[in-house]
Amino acid sequence: MAKKLDSVVVLLVILILGALIGSVIGEVLGTLAPGGYVEAIFAKGINPGLTPPAVLDLKVLTLTLGVTMKINLASLIGVVLALLIYRKL
């Protein structure tokens, strides 16, 4: 059971790192080619999430809950490459 949980944690870490690295590469490519097709394809994306964040005010305690993701082609390529690397492990 612990072995399976460890592999799930490793998979999640690898996927998150792949998405982060892909997003950074997409932003860099968008900065190097502003206003062109490269920026439109790699740097622009969708932002699903809670906008504005949900607020629960209990007068003694206030909780603010929000999640936002930026998904673009470069981050998806990063996730696919991360999956391929995970399968090789």
Protein backbone atom coordinates (compact mmCIF):
# COMPACT_ATOMS: atom_id res chain seq x y z
CA MET A 1 0.00 0.00 0.00
CA ALA A 2 2.79 2.45 0.88
CA LYS A 3 4.58 1.66 -2.40
CA LYS A 4 1.47 2.55 -4.42
CA LEU A 5 0.98 5.81 -2.49
CA ASP A 6 4.62 6.75 -3.09
CA SER A 7 4.21 6.19 -6.82
CA VAL A 8 1.10 8.40 -6.90
CA VAL A 9 2.96 11.17 -5.07
CA VAL A 10 5.90 10.88 -7.47
CA LEU A 11 3.51 11.01 -10.45
CA LEU A 12 1.80 14.16 -9.13
CA VAL A 13 5.13 15.88 -8.45
CA ILE A 14 6.41 15.01 -11.93
CA LEU A 15 3.18 16.24 -13.58
CA ILE A 16 3.23 19.53 -11.66
CA LEU A 17 6.88 20.09 -12.51
CA GLY A 18 6.18 19.31 -16.18
CA ALA A 19 3.33 21.82 -16.25
CA LEU A 20 5.45 24.48 -14.53
CA ILE A 21 8.43 24.00 -16.82
CA GLY A 22 6.16 23.99 -19.88
CA SER A 23 4.46 27.20 -18.75
CA VAL A 24 7.80 28.92 -18.20
CA ILE A 25 9.01 27.85 -21.64
CA GLY A 26 5.75 29.12 -23.18
CA GLU A 27 6.11 32.49 -21.46
CA VAL A 28 9.72 32.79 -22.61
CA LEU A 29 8.75 31.93 -26.19
CA GLY A 30 5.93 34.49 -26.02
CA THR A 31 8.34 37.14 -24.76
CA LEU A 32 10.87 36.42 -27.50
CA ALA A 33 8.24 36.67 -30.26
CA PRO A 34 5.65 39.24 -29.09
CA GLY A 35 2.56 39.67 -31.21
CA GLY A 36 3.31 36.74 -33.51
CA TYR A 37 1.97 33.26 -34.05
CA VAL A 38 4.42 31.79 -31.53
CA GLU A 39 2.97 33.92 -28.75
CA ALA A 40 -0.58 33.15 -29.82
CA ILE A 41 0.08 29.40 -29.83
CA PHE A 42 2.34 28.88 -26.82
CA ALA A 43 1.84 31.77 -24.38
CA LYS A 44 -1.91 32.42 -24.56
CA GLY A 45 -4.19 30.01 -22.78
CA ILE A 46 -7.29 29.59 -20.67
CA ASN A 47 -7.60 30.36 -16.95
CA PRO A 48 -10.20 28.09 -15.32
CA GLY A 49 -10.81 28.64 -11.63
CA LEU A 50 -12.73 30.54 -8.98
CA THR A 51 -12.80 34.23 -9.83
CA PRO A 52 -13.33 35.96 -7.41
CA PRO A 53 -12.29 33.58 -4.63
CA ALA A 54 -14.99 32.17 -2.34
CA VAL A 55 -15.02 33.85 1.08
CA LEU A 56 -16.50 32.28 4.22
CA ASP A 57 -16.81 34.89 6.99
CA LEU A 58 -17.56 33.40 10.41
CA LYS A 59 -16.91 36.71 12.26
CA VAL A 60 -14.21 34.97 14.30
CA LEU A 61 -12.47 33.35 11.37
CA THR A 62 -12.45 34.27 7.70
CA LEU A 63 -11.56 31.66 5.10
CA THR A 64 -10.73 32.59 1.52
CA LEU A 65 -10.73 29.70 -0.94
CA GLY A 66 -9.57 30.04 -4.50
CA VAL A 67 -7.92 28.00 -7.21
CA THR A 68 -6.83 29.25 -10.62
CA MET A 69 -4.86 27.45 -13.31
CA LYS A 70 -3.35 28.75 -16.51
CA ILE A 71 -3.43 26.10 -19.20
CA ASN A 72 -1.63 26.69 -22.49
CA LEU A 73 -0.14 24.51 -25.19
CA ALA A 74 3.35 24.64 -23.71
CA SER A 75 2.13 23.44 -20.30
CA LEU A 76 0.22 20.58 -21.94
CA ILE A 77 3.38 19.57 -23.83
CA GLY A 78 5.25 19.70 -20.51
CA VAL A 79 2.68 17.40 -18.89
CA VAL A 80 2.87 14.92 -21.78
CA LEU A 81 6.67 14.88 -21.58
CA ALA A 82 6.46 14.42 -17.81
CA LEU A 83 4.15 11.42 -18.32
CA LEU A 84 6.62 9.91 -20.78
CA ILE A 85 9.45 10.40 -18.29
CA TYR A 86 7.35 8.81 -15.53
CA ARG A 87 6.64 5.76 -17.68
CA LYS A 88 10.38 5.33 -18.28
CA LEU A 89 11.04 5.30 -14.50
